[in-house]
Amino acid sequence: MHALSVPTWMVHVSSVIEWIAAILLICRYGQLTGNRAWYGFAWAMLPALVSAMCACTWHLFDNPPALDWLVTLQAATTVLGNTTLCIAAWALWKSRAATPKT
């Protein structure tokens, strides 16, 4: 735990908590609007959450070489998360464009 300062830990942990809250709020918004594309967007956010948890775990154990695979997993889930969010944003845009305007 000595790899990061307390303020940096606060940023890391609060970011993970905020991301979880955002996923839950987006799911709730999908329920309220009846637009299922929001659920897809929430699911698309999960790889980025895994990426953040990989970073926190690696730092928690003081960045040991034995856990270098977490850095690779973080990079992979970041790419996957960016891709899934791009696709989900496109699907959301398409669903909104198909909705008749009132």
C-alpha atoms as a PDB file:
ATOM      1  CA  MET A   1       0.000   0.000   0.000  1.00  0.00           C
ATOM      2  CA  HIS A   2       3.023   2.258   0.127  1.00  0.00           C
ATOM      3  CA  ALA A   3       3.119   2.670  -3.648  1.00  0.00           C
ATOM      4  CA  LEU A   4       0.489   5.420  -3.563  1.00  0.00           C
ATOM      5  CA  SER A   5      -0.178   8.336  -1.245  1.00  0.00           C
ATOM      6  CA  VAL A   6      -3.405   8.551   0.738  1.00  0.00           C
ATOM      7  CA  PRO A   7      -4.884  11.255  -1.543  1.00  0.00           C
ATOM      8  CA  THR A   8      -4.073   9.138  -4.607  1.00  0.00           C
ATOM      9  CA  TRP A   9      -5.746   6.131  -2.971  1.00  0.00           C
ATOM     10  CA  MET A  10      -8.788   8.292  -2.292  1.00  0.00           C
ATOM     11  CA  VAL A  11      -8.979   9.167  -5.985  1.00  0.00           C
ATOM     12  CA  HIS A  12      -8.571   5.524  -7.063  1.00  0.00           C
ATOM     13  CA  VAL A  13     -11.176   4.147  -4.664  1.00  0.00           C
ATOM     14  CA  SER A  14     -13.679   6.954  -5.207  1.00  0.00           C
ATOM     15  CA  SER A  15     -13.362   6.501  -8.986  1.00  0.00           C
ATOM     16  CA  VAL A  16     -14.262   2.823  -8.677  1.00  0.00           C
ATOM     17  CA  ILE A  17     -17.218   3.656  -6.419  1.00  0.00           C
ATOM     18  CA  GLU A  18     -18.390   6.393  -8.798  1.00  0.00           C
ATOM     19  CA  TRP A  19     -18.143   4.022 -11.775  1.00  0.00           C
ATOM     20  CA  ILE A  20     -20.267   1.425  -9.953  1.00  0.00           C
ATOM     21  CA  ALA A  21     -22.807   4.129  -9.060  1.00  0.00           C
ATOM     22  CA  ALA A  22     -22.885   5.288 -12.695  1.00  0.00           C
ATOM     23  CA  ILE A  23     -23.569   1.745 -13.907  1.00  0.00           C
ATOM     24  CA  LEU A  24     -26.452   1.378 -11.446  1.00  0.00           C
ATOM     25  CA  LEU A  25     -27.903   4.791 -12.310  1.00  0.00           C
ATOM     26  CA  ILE A  26     -27.717   4.065 -16.033  1.00  0.00           C
ATOM     27  CA  CYS A  27     -29.559   0.773 -15.468  1.00  0.00           C
ATOM     28  CA  ARG A  28     -32.209   2.643 -13.513  1.00  0.00           C
ATOM     29  CA  TYR A  29     -32.523   5.227 -16.284  1.00  0.00           C
ATOM     30  CA  GLY A  30     -32.994   2.404 -18.758  1.00  0.00           C
ATOM     31  CA  GLN A  31     -35.849   1.088 -16.620  1.00  0.00           C
ATOM     32  CA  LEU A  32     -37.504   4.498 -16.374  1.00  0.00           C
ATOM     33  CA  THR A  33     -37.267   5.265 -20.086  1.00  0.00           C
ATOM     34  CA  GLY A  34     -37.944   1.747 -21.301  1.00  0.00           C
ATOM     35  CA  ASN A  35     -34.966   2.075 -23.650  1.00  0.00           C
ATOM     36  CA  ARG A  36     -33.059  -1.212 -23.457  1.00  0.00           C
ATOM     37  CA  ALA A  37     -30.021   0.342 -25.142  1.00  0.00           C
ATOM     38  CA  TRP A  38     -29.182   1.902 -21.782  1.00  0.00           C
ATOM     39  CA  TYR A  39     -28.774  -1.593 -20.327  1.00  0.00           C
ATOM     40  CA  GLY A  40     -26.284  -2.373 -23.070  1.00  0.00           C
ATOM     41  CA  PHE A  41     -24.424   0.804 -22.219  1.00  0.00           C
ATOM     42  CA  ALA A  42     -24.262  -0.226 -18.540  1.00  0.00           C
ATOM     43  CA  TRP A  43     -22.934  -3.681 -19.493  1.00  0.00           C
ATOM     44  CA  ALA A  44     -20.383  -2.019 -21.766  1.00  0.00           C
ATOM     45  CA  MET A  45     -19.030  -0.120 -18.757  1.00  0.00           C
ATOM     46  CA  LEU A  46     -18.009  -3.315 -16.919  1.00  0.00           C
ATOM     47  CA  PRO A  47     -14.654  -3.917 -18.675  1.00  0.00           C
ATOM     48  CA  ALA A  48     -13.516  -0.427 -17.645  1.00  0.00           C
ATOM     49  CA  LEU A  49     -14.520  -1.241 -14.063  1.00  0.00           C
ATOM     50  CA  VAL A  50     -12.443  -4.433 -14.212  1.00  0.00           C
ATOM     51  CA  SER A  51      -9.539  -2.360 -15.522  1.00  0.00           C
ATOM     52  CA  ALA A  52      -9.783   0.023 -12.577  1.00  0.00           C
ATOM     53  CA  MET A  53      -9.951  -2.858 -10.128  1.00  0.00           C
ATOM     54  CA  CYS A  54      -6.830  -4.389 -11.684  1.00  0.00           C
ATOM     55  CA  ALA A  55      -4.958  -1.129 -11.141  1.00  0.00           C
ATOM     56  CA  CYS A  56      -6.139  -0.833  -7.541  1.00  0.00           C
ATOM     57  CA  THR A  57      -5.213  -4.453  -6.801  1.00  0.00           C
ATOM     58  CA  TRP A  58      -1.749  -4.061  -8.285  1.00  0.00           C
ATOM     59  CA  HIS A  59      -1.108  -0.916  -6.245  1.00  0.00           C
ATOM     60  CA  LEU A  60      -2.592  -2.488  -3.113  1.00  0.00           C
ATOM     61  CA  PHE A  61       0.182  -5.077  -3.142  1.00  0.00           C
ATOM     62  CA  ASP A  62       2.910  -2.467  -3.853  1.00  0.00           C
ATOM     63  CA  ASN A  63       3.318  -3.241  -7.553  1.00  0.00           C
ATOM     64  CA  PRO A  64       5.103  -6.606  -7.216  1.00  0.00           C
ATOM     65  CA  PRO A  65       6.641  -8.172 -10.329  1.00  0.00           C
ATOM     66  CA  ALA A  66       4.682 -11.354  -9.580  1.00  0.00           C
ATOM     67  CA  LEU A  67       1.488  -9.434 -10.368  1.00  0.00           C
ATOM     68  CA  ASP A  68       2.707  -7.850 -13.605  1.00  0.00           C
ATOM     69  CA  TRP A  69       0.024  -9.863 -15.387  1.00  0.00           C
ATOM     70  CA  LEU A  70      -2.496  -7.482 -13.787  1.00  0.00           C
ATOM     71  CA  VAL A  71      -0.982  -4.630 -15.797  1.00  0.00           C
ATOM     72  CA  THR A  72      -1.509  -6.626 -18.977  1.00  0.00           C
ATOM     73  CA  LEU A  73      -5.058  -7.486 -17.926  1.00  0.00           C
ATOM     74  CA  GLN A  74      -5.707  -3.830 -17.149  1.00  0.00           C
ATOM     75  CA  ALA A  75      -4.492  -2.789 -20.594  1.00  0.00           C
ATOM     76  CA  ALA A  76      -6.600  -5.460 -22.286  1.00  0.00           C
ATOM     77  CA  THR A  77      -9.758  -4.580 -20.369  1.00  0.00           C
ATOM     78  CA  THR A  78      -9.187  -0.888 -21.077  1.00  0.00           C
ATOM     79  CA  VAL A  79      -9.103  -1.595 -24.824  1.00  0.00           C
ATOM     80  CA  LEU A  80     -12.105  -3.906 -24.520  1.00  0.00           C
ATOM     81  CA  GLY A  81     -13.972  -1.301 -22.437  1.00  0.00           C
ATOM     82  CA  ASN A  82     -13.272   1.489 -24.904  1.00  0.00           C
ATOM     83  CA  THR A  83     -14.492  -0.725 -27.729  1.00  0.00           C
ATOM     84  CA  THR A  84     -17.646  -1.882 -25.944  1.00  0.00           C
ATOM     85  CA  LEU A  85     -18.486   1.676 -24.883  1.00  0.00           C
ATOM     86  CA  CYS A  86     -18.058   2.890 -28.446  1.00  0.00           C
ATOM     87  CA  ILE A  87     -20.405   0.184 -29.721  1.00  0.00           C
ATOM     88  CA  ALA A  88     -22.905   0.816 -26.917  1.00  0.00           C
ATOM     89  CA  ALA A  89     -22.869   4.561 -27.558  1.00  0.00           C
ATOM     90  CA  TRP A  90     -23.558   3.909 -31.242  1.00  0.00           C
ATOM     91  CA  ALA A  91     -26.421   1.548 -30.340  1.00  0.00           C
ATOM     92  CA  LEU A  92     -27.809   4.129 -27.954  1.00  0.00           C
ATOM     93  CA  TRP A  93     -27.602   6.815 -30.624  1.00  0.00           C
ATOM     94  CA  LYS A  94     -29.360   4.538 -33.102  1.00  0.00           C
ATOM     95  CA  SER A  95     -32.115   3.767 -30.572  1.00  0.00           C
ATOM     96  CA  ARG A  96     -32.654   7.474 -29.883  1.00  0.00           C
ATOM     97  CA  ALA A  97     -32.681   8.276 -33.610  1.00  0.00           C
ATOM     98  CA  ALA A  98     -35.372   5.620 -34.161  1.00  0.00           C
ATOM     99  CA  THR A  99     -37.583   7.083 -31.437  1.00  0.00           C
ATOM    100  CA  PRO A 100     -40.289   9.345 -32.872  1.00  0.00           C
ATOM    101  CA  LYS A 101     -40.008  12.934 -31.766  1.00  0.00           C
ATOM    102  CA  THR A 102     -42.958  14.413 -29.861  1.00  0.00           C
END
